Amino acid sequence: MKTAPFSACGGSFEIHEWRGSGPATLHVHQSDDEAWHVLEGQLTFRYADRTETAGPGTTVFVRAGVAHTYTAGADARYLIILTPRLSALIAALQADRDPAHRQEIYRHFDSEALE
């Protein structure tokens, strides 16, 4: 029996069970922290100065102001912990996939695409 992915939203943070990769380019959130907890598979995080791979049971925390992105292996399943502002940023980027609007969308949510 397959269960529905976990999802919970509060006033200060949200937790969602996800699959798939983040944006392909380095980006930074000026005011919001973000974290991932790997349930299955692997996530590979890229920062301005290094790369790290996280496997099952690993939690990765990225504080506000740190440039990052991540890719998920084909079988990766993870929890993402983020603020309501970051959740709204993701929704806006998914709703408007025009690259010409990307920087404006990031700025609206106190973030910046760096590449």
PDB file of N, CA and C in Angstrom:
ATOM      1  N   MET A   1       0.836  -1.181   0.000  1.00  0.00           N
ATOM      2  CA  MET A   1       0.000   0.000   0.000  1.00  0.00           C
ATOM      3  C   MET A   1       0.883   1.249   0.000  1.00  0.00           C
ATOM      4  N   LYS A   2       0.716   2.088  -0.989  1.00  0.00           N
ATOM      5  CA  LYS A   2       1.505   3.303  -1.099  1.00  0.00           C
ATOM      6  C   LYS A   2       0.833   4.419  -0.311  1.00  0.00           C
ATOM      7  N   THR A   3       1.623   5.130   0.501  1.00  0.00           N
ATOM      8  CA  THR A   3       1.077   6.242   1.269  1.00  0.00           C
ATOM      9  C   THR A   3       1.350   7.555   0.544  1.00  0.00           C
ATOM     10  N   ALA A   4       0.533   8.539   0.837  1.00  0.00           N
ATOM     11  CA  ALA A   4       0.708   9.861   0.235  1.00  0.00           C
ATOM     12  C   ALA A   4       1.969  10.514   0.806  1.00  0.00           C
ATOM     13  N   PRO A   5       2.647  11.335   0.022  1.00  0.00           N
ATOM     14  CA  PRO A   5       3.819  12.038   0.540  1.00  0.00           C
ATOM     15  C   PRO A   5       3.450  12.915   1.732  1.00  0.00           C
ATOM     16  N   PHE A   6       4.362  13.027   2.677  1.00  0.00           N
ATOM     17  CA  PHE A   6       4.154  13.842   3.869  1.00  0.00           C
ATOM     18  C   PHE A   6       4.234  15.321   3.509  1.00  0.00           C
ATOM     19  N   SER A   7       3.353  16.115   4.101  1.00  0.00           N
ATOM     20  CA  SER A   7       3.371  17.555   3.892  1.00  0.00           C
ATOM     21  C   SER A   7       2.711  18.232   5.082  1.00  0.00           C
ATOM     22  N   ALA A   8       3.378  19.249   5.633  1.00  0.00           N
ATOM     23  CA  ALA A   8       2.807  20.004   6.750  1.00  0.00           C
ATOM     24  C   ALA A   8       3.256  21.456   6.634  1.00  0.00           C
ATOM     25  N   CYS A   9       2.311  22.382   6.860  1.00  0.00           N
ATOM     26  CA  CYS A   9       2.611  23.810   6.764  1.00  0.00           C
ATOM     27  C   CYS A   9       2.216  24.496   8.061  1.00  0.00           C
ATOM     28  N   GLY A  10       3.151  25.245   8.625  1.00  0.00           N
ATOM     29  CA  GLY A  10       2.884  26.039   9.813  1.00  0.00           C
ATOM     30  C   GLY A  10       3.117  27.502   9.513  1.00  0.00           C
ATOM     31  N   GLY A  11       3.134  28.305  10.548  1.00  0.00           N
ATOM     32  CA  GLY A  11       3.345  29.735  10.359  1.00  0.00           C
ATOM     33  C   GLY A  11       4.777  30.114  10.057  1.00  0.00           C
ATOM     34  N   SER A  12       5.744  29.359  10.610  1.00  0.00           N
ATOM     35  CA  SER A  12       7.139  29.742  10.433  1.00  0.00           C
ATOM     36  C   SER A  12       7.936  28.812   9.531  1.00  0.00           C
ATOM     37  N   PHE A  13       7.485  27.561   9.331  1.00  0.00           N
ATOM     38  CA  PHE A  13       8.166  26.685   8.387  1.00  0.00           C
ATOM     39  C   PHE A  13       7.234  25.608   7.882  1.00  0.00           C
ATOM     40  N   GLU A  14       7.666  24.963   6.801  1.00  0.00           N
ATOM     41  CA  GLU A  14       6.920  23.887   6.155  1.00  0.00           C
ATOM     42  C   GLU A  14       7.854  22.700   5.967  1.00  0.00           C
ATOM     43  N   ILE A  15       7.276  21.500   5.958  1.00  0.00           N
ATOM     44  CA  ILE A  15       8.025  20.281   5.660  1.00  0.00           C
ATOM     45  C   ILE A  15       7.258  19.546   4.569  1.00  0.00           C
ATOM     46  N   HIS A  16       7.968  19.173   3.505  1.00  0.00           N
ATOM     47  CA  HIS A  16       7.341  18.452   2.406  1.00  0.00           C
ATOM     48  C   HIS A  16       8.227  17.275   1.997  1.00  0.00           C
ATOM     49  N   GLU A  17       7.608  16.156   1.726  1.00  0.00           N
ATOM     50  CA  GLU A  17       8.329  15.020   1.158  1.00  0.00           C
ATOM     51  C   GLU A  17       8.394  15.229  -0.341  1.00  0.00           C
ATOM     52  N   TRP A  18       9.605  15.223  -0.888  1.00  0.00           N
ATOM     53  CA  TRP A  18       9.797  15.526  -2.299  1.00  0.00           C
ATOM     54  C   TRP A  18      10.685  14.519  -2.980  1.00  0.00           C
ATOM     55  N   ARG A  19      10.633  14.579  -4.288  1.00  0.00           N
ATOM     56  CA  ARG A  19      11.554  13.888  -5.188  1.00  0.00           C
ATOM     57  C   ARG A  19      11.970  14.928  -6.220  1.00  0.00           C
ATOM     58  N   GLY A  20      13.072  14.700  -6.896  1.00  0.00           N
ATOM     59  CA  GLY A  20      13.506  15.628  -7.941  1.00  0.00           C
ATOM     60  C   GLY A  20      14.513  16.633  -7.438  1.00  0.00           C
ATOM     61  N   SER A  21      15.132  17.308  -8.386  1.00  0.00           N
ATOM     62  CA  SER A  21      16.224  18.240  -8.108  1.00  0.00           C
ATOM     63  C   SER A  21      15.726  19.657  -7.882  1.00  0.00           C
ATOM     64  N   GLY A  22      16.621  20.461  -7.332  1.00  0.00           N
ATOM     65  CA  GLY A  22      16.366  21.886  -7.168  1.00  0.00           C
ATOM     66  C   GLY A  22      16.712  22.610  -8.458  1.00  0.00           C
ATOM     67  N   PRO A  23      16.777  23.949  -8.417  1.00  0.00           N
ATOM     68  CA  PRO A  23      17.141  24.696  -9.618  1.00  0.00           C
ATOM     69  C   PRO A  23      18.532  24.298 -10.086  1.00  0.00           C
ATOM     70  N   ALA A  24      18.767  24.378 -11.373  1.00  0.00           N
ATOM     71  CA  ALA A  24      20.044  23.936 -11.953  1.00  0.00           C
ATOM     72  C   ALA A  24      21.198  24.881 -11.637  1.00  0.00           C
ATOM     73  N   THR A  25      20.913  26.080 -11.192  1.00  0.00           N
ATOM     74  CA  THR A  25      21.958  27.083 -10.975  1.00  0.00           C
ATOM     75  C   THR A  25      22.089  27.451  -9.501  1.00  0.00           C
ATOM     76  N   LEU A  26      23.287  27.905  -9.144  1.00  0.00           N
ATOM     77  CA  LEU A  26      23.491  28.416  -7.791  1.00  0.00           C
ATOM     78  C   LEU A  26      22.544  29.584  -7.544  1.00  0.00           C
ATOM     79  N   HIS A  27      22.014  29.625  -6.336  1.00  0.00           N
ATOM     80  CA  HIS A  27      21.141  30.717  -5.934  1.00  0.00           C
ATOM     81  C   HIS A  27      21.340  30.943  -4.434  1.00  0.00           C
ATOM     82  N   VAL A  28      20.873  32.070  -3.965  1.00  0.00           N
ATOM     83  CA  VAL A  28      21.028  32.408  -2.555  1.00  0.00           C
ATOM     84  C   VAL A  28      19.726  33.015  -2.047  1.00  0.00           C
ATOM     85  N   HIS A  29      19.362  32.629  -0.833  1.00  0.00           N
ATOM     86  CA  HIS A  29      18.217  33.216  -0.141  1.00  0.00           C
ATOM     87  C   HIS A  29      18.795  34.129   0.936  1.00  0.00           C
ATOM     88  N   GLN A  30      18.531  35.415   0.839  1.00  0.00           N
ATOM     89  CA  GLN A  30      19.156  36.380   1.738  1.00  0.00           C
ATOM     90  C   GLN A  30      18.652  36.276   3.173  1.00  0.00           C
ATOM     91  N   SER A  31      17.385  35.890   3.364  1.00  0.00           N
ATOM     92  CA  SER A  31      16.777  35.931   4.698  1.00  0.00           C
ATOM     93  C   SER A  31      16.244  34.594   5.193  1.00  0.00           C
ATOM     94  N   ASP A  32      16.366  33.539   4.405  1.00  0.00           N
ATOM     95  CA  ASP A  32      15.709  32.279   4.763  1.00  0.00           C
ATOM     96  C   ASP A  32      16.690  31.114   4.794  1.00  0.00           C
ATOM     97  N   ASP A  33      16.628  30.350   5.880  1.00  0.00           N
ATOM     98  CA  ASP A  33      17.360  29.099   5.992  1.00  0.00           C
ATOM     99  C   ASP A  33      16.556  28.004   5.298  1.00  0.00           C
ATOM    100  N   GLU A  34      17.224  26.892   4.978  1.00  0.00           N
ATOM    101  CA  GLU A  34      16.572  25.774   4.285  1.00  0.00           C
ATOM    102  C   GLU A  34      17.287  24.492   4.702  1.00  0.00           C
ATOM    103  N   ALA A  35      16.561  23.383   4.766  1.00  0.00           N
ATOM    104  CA  ALA A  35      17.183  22.110   5.144  1.00  0.00           C
ATOM    105  C   ALA A  35      16.530  20.961   4.402  1.00  0.00           C
ATOM    106  N   TRP A  36      17.285  19.872   4.276  1.00  0.00           N
ATOM    107  CA  TRP A  36      16.839  18.649   3.613  1.00  0.00           C
ATOM    108  C   TRP A  36      17.208  17.468   4.493  1.00  0.00           C
ATOM    109  N   HIS A  37      16.341  16.480   4.568  1.00  0.00           N
ATOM    110  CA  HIS A  37      16.659  15.226   5.257  1.00  0.00           C
ATOM    111  C   HIS A  37      16.408  14.099   4.257  1.00  0.00           C
ATOM    112  N   VAL A  38      17.463  13.374   3.914  1.00  0.00           N
ATOM    113  CA  VAL A  38      17.386  12.346   2.883  1.00  0.00           C
ATOM    114  C   VAL A  38      16.771  11.075   3.473  1.00  0.00           C
ATOM    115  N   LEU A  39      15.705  10.599   2.836  1.00  0.00           N
ATOM    116  CA  LEU A  39      15.040   9.358   3.244  1.00  0.00           C
ATOM    117  C   LEU A  39      15.550   8.163   2.446  1.00  0.00           C
ATOM    118  N   GLU A  40      15.709   8.351   1.139  1.00  0.00           N
ATOM    119  CA  GLU A  40      16.200   7.295   0.235  1.00  0.00           C
ATOM    120  C   GLU A  40      17.049   7.932  -0.852  1.00  0.00           C
ATOM    121  N   GLY A  41      18.004   7.179  -1.381  1.00  0.00           N
ATOM    122  CA  GLY A  41      18.827   7.672  -2.483  1.00  0.00           C
ATOM    123  C   GLY A  41      19.839   8.703  -2.020  1.00  0.00           C
ATOM    124  N   GLN A  42      20.220   9.594  -2.942  1.00  0.00           N
ATOM    125  CA  GLN A  42      21.244  10.601  -2.646  1.00  0.00           C
ATOM    126  C   GLN A  42      20.876  11.956  -3.224  1.00  0.00           C
ATOM    127  N   LEU A  43      21.279  12.991  -2.501  1.00  0.00           N
ATOM    128  CA  LEU A  43      21.233  14.362  -2.992  1.00  0.00           C
ATOM    129  C   LEU A  43      22.666  14.856  -3.065  1.00  0.00           C
ATOM    130  N   THR A  44      22.993  15.582  -4.127  1.00  0.00           N
ATOM    131  CA  THR A  44      24.312  16.185  -4.264  1.00  0.00           C
ATOM    132  C   THR A  44      24.141  17.697  -4.217  1.00  0.00           C
ATOM    133  N   PHE A  45      24.776  18.318  -3.233  1.00  0.00           N
ATOM    134  CA  PHE A  45      24.694  19.760  -3.042  1.00  0.00           C
ATOM    135  C   PHE A  45      25.934  20.421  -3.610  1.00  0.00           C
ATOM    136  N   ARG A  46      25.709  21.515  -4.336  1.00  0.00           N
ATOM    137  CA  ARG A  46      26.821  22.297  -4.877  1.00  0.00           C
ATOM    138  C   ARG A  46      26.759  23.674  -4.254  1.00  0.00           C
ATOM    139  N   TYR A  47      27.909  24.117  -3.753  1.00  0.00           N
ATOM    140  CA  TYR A  47      28.068  25.440  -3.172  1.00  0.00           C
ATOM    141  C   TYR A  47      29.092  26.192  -4.030  1.00  0.00           C
ATOM    142  N   ALA A  48      29.345  27.436  -3.709  1.00  0.00           N
ATOM    143  CA  ALA A  48      30.303  28.226  -4.481  1.00  0.00           C
ATOM    144  C   ALA A  48      31.706  27.624  -4.417  1.00  0.00           C
ATOM    145  N   ASP A  49      32.038  26.956  -3.314  1.00  0.00           N
ATOM    146  CA  ASP A  49      33.402  26.473  -3.110  1.00  0.00           C
ATOM    147  C   ASP A  49      33.548  24.960  -2.945  1.00  0.00           C
ATOM    148  N   ARG A  50      32.462  24.210  -3.011  1.00  0.00           N
ATOM    149  CA  ARG A  50      32.573  22.763  -2.781  1.00  0.00           C
ATOM    150  C   ARG A  50      31.288  22.046  -3.176  1.00  0.00           C
ATOM    151  N   THR A  51      31.379  20.719  -3.153  1.00  0.00           N
ATOM    152  CA  THR A  51      30.228  19.844  -3.417  1.00  0.00           C
ATOM    153  C   THR A  51      30.177  18.813  -2.302  1.00  0.00           C
ATOM    154  N   GLU A  52      28.970  18.399  -1.909  1.00  0.00           N
ATOM    155  CA  GLU A  52      28.831  17.321  -0.929  1.00  0.00           C
ATOM    156  C   GLU A  52      27.674  16.424  -1.333  1.00  0.00           C
ATOM    157  N   THR A  53      27.811  15.142  -1.022  1.00  0.00           N
ATOM    158  CA  THR A  53      26.757  14.169  -1.306  1.00  0.00           C
ATOM    159  C   THR A  53      26.156  13.713   0.013  1.00  0.00           C
ATOM    160  N   ALA A  54      24.830  13.666   0.060  1.00  0.00           N
ATOM    161  CA  ALA A  54      24.115  13.266   1.266  1.00  0.00           C
ATOM    162  C   ALA A  54      23.282  12.025   0.968  1.00  0.00           C
ATOM    163  N   GLY A  55      23.452  10.992   1.781  1.00  0.00           N
ATOM    164  CA  GLY A  55      22.708   9.753   1.620  1.00  0.00           C
ATOM    165  C   GLY A  55      21.631   9.605   2.678  1.00  0.00           C
ATOM    166  N   PRO A  56      20.944   8.467   2.700  1.00  0.00           N
ATOM    167  CA  PRO A  56      19.853   8.233   3.637  1.00  0.00           C
ATOM    168  C   PRO A  56      20.265   8.494   5.095  1.00  0.00           C
ATOM    169  N   GLY A  57      19.396   9.186   5.803  1.00  0.00           N
ATOM    170  CA  GLY A  57      19.645   9.507   7.202  1.00  0.00           C
ATOM    171  C   GLY A  57      20.432  10.787   7.405  1.00  0.00           C
ATOM    172  N   THR A  58      20.881  11.417   6.323  1.00  0.00           N
ATOM    173  CA  THR A  58      21.678  12.643   6.412  1.00  0.00           C
ATOM    174  C   THR A  58      20.772  13.867   6.318  1.00  0.00           C
ATOM    175  N   THR A  59      21.058  14.850   7.168  1.00  0.00           N
ATOM    176  CA  THR A  59      20.371  16.134   7.113  1.00  0.00           C
ATOM    177  C   THR A  59      21.362  17.205   6.699  1.00  0.00           C
ATOM    178  N   VAL A  60      20.966  18.038   5.740  1.00  0.00           N
ATOM    179  CA  VAL A  60      21.804  19.139   5.262  1.00  0.00           C
ATOM    180  C   VAL A  60      21.071  20.435   5.578  1.00  0.00           C
ATOM    181  N   PHE A  61      21.771  21.356   6.239  1.00  0.00           N
ATOM    182  CA  PHE A  61      21.219  22.661   6.591  1.00  0.00           C
ATOM    183  C   PHE A  61      21.985  23.731   5.834  1.00  0.00           C
ATOM    184  N   VAL A  62      21.277  24.622   5.144  1.00  0.00           N
ATOM    185  CA  VAL A  62      21.903  25.742   4.438  1.00  0.00           C
ATOM    186  C   VAL A  62      21.329  27.021   5.039  1.00  0.00           C
ATOM    187  N   ARG A  63      22.207  27.785   5.675  1.00  0.00           N
ATOM    188  CA  ARG A  63      21.747  29.023   6.305  1.00  0.00           C
ATOM    189  C   ARG A  63      21.548  30.121   5.251  1.00  0.00           C
ATOM    190  N   ALA A  64      20.759  31.100   5.612  1.00  0.00           N
ATOM    191  CA  ALA A  64      20.531  32.253   4.741  1.00  0.00           C
ATOM    192  C   ALA A  64      21.865  32.864   4.348  1.00  0.00           C
ATOM    193  N   GLY A  65      21.977  33.293   3.090  1.00  0.00           N
ATOM    194  CA  GLY A  65      23.175  33.943   2.598  1.00  0.00           C
ATOM    195  C   GLY A  65      24.198  33.014   1.969  1.00  0.00           C
ATOM    196  N   VAL A  66      23.952  31.693   1.985  1.00  0.00           N
ATOM    197  CA  VAL A  66      24.888  30.728   1.406  1.00  0.00           C
ATOM    198  C   VAL A  66      24.384  30.294   0.028  1.00  0.00           C
ATOM    199  N   ALA A  67      25.209  30.513  -0.995  1.00  0.00           N
ATOM    200  CA  ALA A  67      24.843  30.110  -2.360  1.00  0.00           C
ATOM    201  C   ALA A  67      24.848  28.590  -2.448  1.00  0.00           C
ATOM    202  N   HIS A  68      23.815  28.034  -3.094  1.00  0.00           N
ATOM    203  CA  HIS A  68      23.678  26.578  -3.170  1.00  0.00           C
ATOM    204  C   HIS A  68      22.746  26.158  -4.298  1.00  0.00           C
ATOM    205  N   THR A  69      22.796  24.902  -4.621  1.00  0.00           N
ATOM    206  CA  THR A  69      21.813  24.213  -5.441  1.00  0.00           C
ATOM    207  C   THR A  69      21.996  22.732  -5.157  1.00  0.00           C
ATOM    208  N   TYR A  70      21.080  21.901  -5.655  1.00  0.00           N
ATOM    209  CA  TYR A  70      21.227  20.468  -5.422  1.00  0.00           C
ATOM    210  C   TYR A  70      20.580  19.669  -6.538  1.00  0.00           C
ATOM    211  N   THR A  71      21.101  18.467  -6.717  1.00  0.00           N
ATOM    212  CA  THR A  71      20.511  17.526  -7.661  1.00  0.00           C
ATOM    213  C   THR A  71      20.171  16.251  -6.902  1.00  0.00           C
ATOM    214  N   ALA A  72      19.114  15.617  -7.340  1.00  0.00           N
ATOM    215  CA  ALA A  72      18.639  14.394  -6.702  1.00  0.00           C
ATOM    216  C   ALA A  72      18.886  13.209  -7.618  1.00  0.00           C
ATOM    217  N   GLY A  73      19.365  12.108  -7.038  1.00  0.00           N
ATOM    218  CA  GLY A  73      19.483  10.873  -7.792  1.00  0.00           C
ATOM    219  C   GLY A  73      18.097  10.388  -8.202  1.00  0.00           C
ATOM    220  N   ALA A  74      18.055   9.497  -9.180  1.00  0.00           N
ATOM    221  CA  ALA A  74      16.777   9.013  -9.730  1.00  0.00           C
ATOM    222  C   ALA A  74      15.861   8.424  -8.668  1.00  0.00           C
ATOM    223  N   ASP A  75      16.427   7.812  -7.645  1.00  0.00           N
ATOM    224  CA  ASP A  75      15.612   7.157  -6.619  1.00  0.00           C
ATOM    225  C   ASP A  75      15.531   7.967  -5.329  1.00  0.00           C
ATOM    226  N   ALA A  76      15.962   9.219  -5.346  1.00  0.00           N
ATOM    227  CA  ALA A  76      16.004  10.030  -4.126  1.00  0.00           C
ATOM    228  C   ALA A  76      14.609  10.426  -3.666  1.00  0.00           C
ATOM    229  N   ARG A  77      14.421  10.319  -2.359  1.00  0.00           N
ATOM    230  CA  ARG A  77      13.199  10.771  -1.690  1.00  0.00           C
ATOM    231  C   ARG A  77      13.670  11.470  -0.426  1.00  0.00           C
ATOM    232  N   TYR A  78      13.145  12.660  -0.163  1.00  0.00           N
ATOM    233  CA  TYR A  78      13.659  13.454   0.941  1.00  0.00           C
ATOM    234  C   TYR A  78      12.591  14.385   1.495  1.00  0.00           C
ATOM    235  N   LEU A  79      12.860  14.872   2.700  1.00  0.00           N
ATOM    236  CA  LEU A  79      12.047  15.915   3.298  1.00  0.00           C
ATOM    237  C   LEU A  79      12.769  17.235   3.074  1.00  0.00           C
ATOM    238  N   ILE A  80      12.037  18.245   2.649  1.00  0.00           N
ATOM    239  CA  ILE A  80      12.598  19.588   2.538  1.00  0.00           C
ATOM    240  C   ILE A  80      11.900  20.451   3.587  1.00  0.00           C
ATOM    241  N   ILE A  81      12.700  21.203   4.328  1.00  0.00           N
ATOM    242  CA  ILE A  81      12.194  22.068   5.392  1.00  0.00           C
ATOM    243  C   ILE A  81      12.510  23.491   4.961  1.00  0.00           C
ATOM    244  N   LEU A  82      11.479  24.306   4.795  1.00  0.00           N
ATOM    245  CA  LEU A  82      11.660  25.644   4.263  1.00  0.00           C
ATOM    246  C   LEU A  82      10.634  26.598   4.837  1.00  0.00           C
ATOM    247  N   THR A  83      10.886  27.869   4.640  1.00  0.00           N
ATOM    248  CA  THR A  83       9.976  28.904   5.125  1.00  0.00           C
ATOM    249  C   THR A  83       8.820  29.081   4.135  1.00  0.00           C
ATOM    250  N   PRO A  84       7.721  29.679   4.597  1.00  0.00           N
ATOM    251  CA  PRO A  84       6.628  29.972   3.659  1.00  0.00           C
ATOM    252  C   PRO A  84       7.080  30.847   2.484  1.00  0.00           C
ATOM    253  N   ARG A  85       8.029  31.775   2.698  1.00  0.00           N
ATOM    254  CA  ARG A  85       8.521  32.611   1.603  1.00  0.00           C
ATOM    255  C   ARG A  85       9.212  31.759   0.542  1.00  0.00           C
ATOM    256  N   LEU A  86      10.022  30.779   0.957  1.00  0.00           N
ATOM    257  CA  LEU A  86      10.691  29.916  -0.020  1.00  0.00           C
ATOM    258  C   LEU A  86       9.692  29.015  -0.737  1.00  0.00           C
ATOM    259  N   SER A  87       8.676  28.570  -0.028  1.00  0.00           N
ATOM    260  CA  SER A  87       7.629  27.774  -0.675  1.00  0.00           C
ATOM    261  C   SER A  87       6.924  28.600  -1.750  1.00  0.00           C
ATOM    262  N   ALA A  88       6.662  29.869  -1.443  1.00  0.00           N
ATOM    263  CA  ALA A  88       6.028  30.764  -2.424  1.00  0.00           C
ATOM    264  C   ALA A  88       6.966  31.034  -3.601  1.00  0.00           C
ATOM    265  N   LEU A  89       8.271  31.149  -3.349  1.00  0.00           N
ATOM    266  CA  LEU A  89       9.246  31.319  -4.425  1.00  0.00           C
ATOM    267  C   LEU A  89       9.207  30.126  -5.373  1.00  0.00           C
ATOM    268  N   ILE A  90       9.226  28.934  -4.834  1.00  0.00           N
ATOM    269  CA  ILE A  90       9.190  27.726  -5.666  1.00  0.00           C
ATOM    270  C   ILE A  90       7.913  27.698  -6.499  1.00  0.00           C
ATOM    271  N   ALA A  91       6.792  28.013  -5.874  1.00  0.00           N
ATOM    272  CA  ALA A  91       5.514  28.025  -6.605  1.00  0.00           C
ATOM    273  C   ALA A  91       5.547  29.053  -7.739  1.00  0.00           C
ATOM    274  N   ALA A  92       6.114  30.226  -7.481  1.00  0.00           N
ATOM    275  CA  ALA A  92       6.186  31.272  -8.510  1.00  0.00           C
ATOM    276  C   ALA A  92       7.101  30.851  -9.661  1.00  0.00           C
ATOM    277  N   LEU A  93       8.229  30.224  -9.347  1.00  0.00           N
ATOM    278  CA  LEU A  93       9.142  29.762 -10.398  1.00  0.00           C
ATOM    279  C   LEU A  93       8.513  28.646 -11.229  1.00  0.00           C
ATOM    280  N   GLN A  94       7.729  27.789 -10.597  1.00  0.00           N
ATOM    281  CA  GLN A  94       7.062  26.715 -11.333  1.00  0.00           C
ATOM    282  C   GLN A  94       5.921  27.247 -12.189  1.00  0.00           C
ATOM    283  N   ALA A  95       5.281  28.313 -11.741  1.00  0.00           N
ATOM    284  CA  ALA A  95       4.164  28.894 -12.493  1.00  0.00           C
ATOM    285  C   ALA A  95       4.637  29.714 -13.695  1.00  0.00           C
ATOM    286  N   ASP A  96       5.814  30.317 -13.591  1.00  0.00           N
ATOM    287  CA  ASP A  96       6.356  31.156 -14.666  1.00  0.00           C
ATOM    288  C   ASP A  96       7.755  30.660 -14.998  1.00  0.00           C
ATOM    289  N   ARG A  97       7.869  29.845 -16.010  1.00  0.00           N
ATOM    290  CA  ARG A  97       9.155  29.237 -16.378  1.00  0.00           C
ATOM    291  C   ARG A  97       9.932  30.045 -17.415  1.00  0.00           C
ATOM    292  N   ASP A  98       9.487  31.274 -17.683  1.00  0.00           N
ATOM    293  CA  ASP A  98      10.180  32.138 -18.639  1.00  0.00           C
ATOM    294  C   ASP A  98      11.502  32.605 -18.021  1.00  0.00           C
ATOM    295  N   PRO A  99      12.651  32.229 -18.596  1.00  0.00           N
ATOM    296  CA  PRO A  99      13.950  32.629 -18.038  1.00  0.00           C
ATOM    297  C   PRO A  99      14.112  34.150 -17.905  1.00  0.00           C
ATOM    298  N   ALA A 100      13.422  34.907 -18.739  1.00  0.00           N
ATOM    299  CA  ALA A 100      13.522  36.365 -18.671  1.00  0.00           C
ATOM    300  C   ALA A 100      12.927  36.924 -17.377  1.00  0.00           C
ATOM    301  N   HIS A 101      12.070  36.157 -16.710  1.00  0.00           N
ATOM    302  CA  HIS A 101      11.410  36.610 -15.478  1.00  0.00           C
ATOM    303  C   HIS A 101      12.088  36.081 -14.216  1.00  0.00           C
ATOM    304  N   ARG A 102      13.043  35.174 -14.377  1.00  0.00           N
ATOM    305  CA  ARG A 102      13.616  34.464 -13.237  1.00  0.00           C
ATOM    306  C   ARG A 102      14.225  35.392 -12.189  1.00  0.00           C
ATOM    307  N   GLN A 103      15.082  36.325 -12.603  1.00  0.00           N
ATOM    308  CA  GLN A 103      15.734  37.218 -11.624  1.00  0.00           C
ATOM    309  C   GLN A 103      14.703  38.056 -10.856  1.00  0.00           C
ATOM    310  N   GLU A 104      13.707  38.543 -11.574  1.00  0.00           N
ATOM    311  CA  GLU A 104      12.663  39.348 -10.932  1.00  0.00           C
ATOM    312  C   GLU A 104      11.905  38.520  -9.897  1.00  0.00           C
ATOM    313  N   ILE A 105      11.593  37.275 -10.226  1.00  0.00           N
ATOM    314  CA  ILE A 105      10.889  36.397  -9.286  1.00  0.00           C
ATOM    315  C   ILE A 105      11.753  36.157  -8.053  1.00  0.00           C
ATOM    316  N   TYR A 106      13.024  35.821  -8.258  1.00  0.00           N
ATOM    317  CA  TYR A 106      13.920  35.618  -7.117  1.00  0.00           C
ATOM    318  C   TYR A 106      13.968  36.863  -6.231  1.00  0.00           C
ATOM    319  N   ARG A 107      14.147  38.033  -6.831  1.00  0.00           N
ATOM    320  CA  ARG A 107      14.236  39.286  -6.053  1.00  0.00           C
ATOM    321  C   ARG A 107      12.976  39.523  -5.228  1.00  0.00           C
ATOM    322  N   HIS A 108      11.829  39.222  -5.815  1.00  0.00           N
ATOM    323  CA  HIS A 108      10.561  39.422  -5.107  1.00  0.00           C
ATOM    324  C   HIS A 108      10.516  38.628  -3.802  1.00  0.00           C
ATOM    325  N   PHE A 109      11.238  37.526  -3.739  1.00  0.00           N
ATOM    326  CA  PHE A 109      11.254  36.667  -2.546  1.00  0.00           C
ATOM    327  C   PHE A 109      12.582  36.747  -1.787  1.00  0.00           C
ATOM    328  N   ASP A 110      13.270  37.893  -1.896  1.00  0.00           N
ATOM    329  CA  ASP A 110      14.519  38.170  -1.192  1.00  0.00           C
ATOM    330  C   ASP A 110      15.575  37.110  -1.451  1.00  0.00           C
ATOM    331  N   SER A 111      15.680  36.705  -2.709  1.00  0.00           N
ATOM    332  CA  SER A 111      16.643  35.706  -3.143  1.00  0.00           C
ATOM    333  C   SER A 111      17.277  36.187  -4.451  1.00  0.00           C
ATOM    334  N   GLU A 112      18.297  35.451  -4.902  1.00  0.00           N
ATOM    335  CA  GLU A 112      18.977  35.839  -6.137  1.00  0.00           C
ATOM    336  C   GLU A 112      19.516  34.602  -6.845  1.00  0.00           C
ATOM    337  N   ALA A 113      19.297  34.524  -8.160  1.00  0.00           N
ATOM    338  CA  ALA A 113      19.928  33.495  -8.990  1.00  0.00           C
ATOM    339  C   ALA A 113      21.312  34.017  -9.348  1.00  0.00           C
ATOM    340  N   LEU A 114      22.334  33.191  -9.182  1.00  0.00           N
ATOM    341  CA  LEU A 114      23.711  33.654  -9.354  1.00  0.00           C
ATOM    342  C   LEU A 114      24.343  33.235 -10.660  1.00  0.00           C
ATOM    343  N   GLU A 115      23.732  32.353 -11.403  1.00  0.00           N
ATOM    344  CA  GLU A 115      24.314  31.874 -12.663  1.00  0.00           C
ATOM    345  C   GLU A 115      23.317  32.084 -13.787  1.00  0.00           C
TER     346      GLU A 115
END
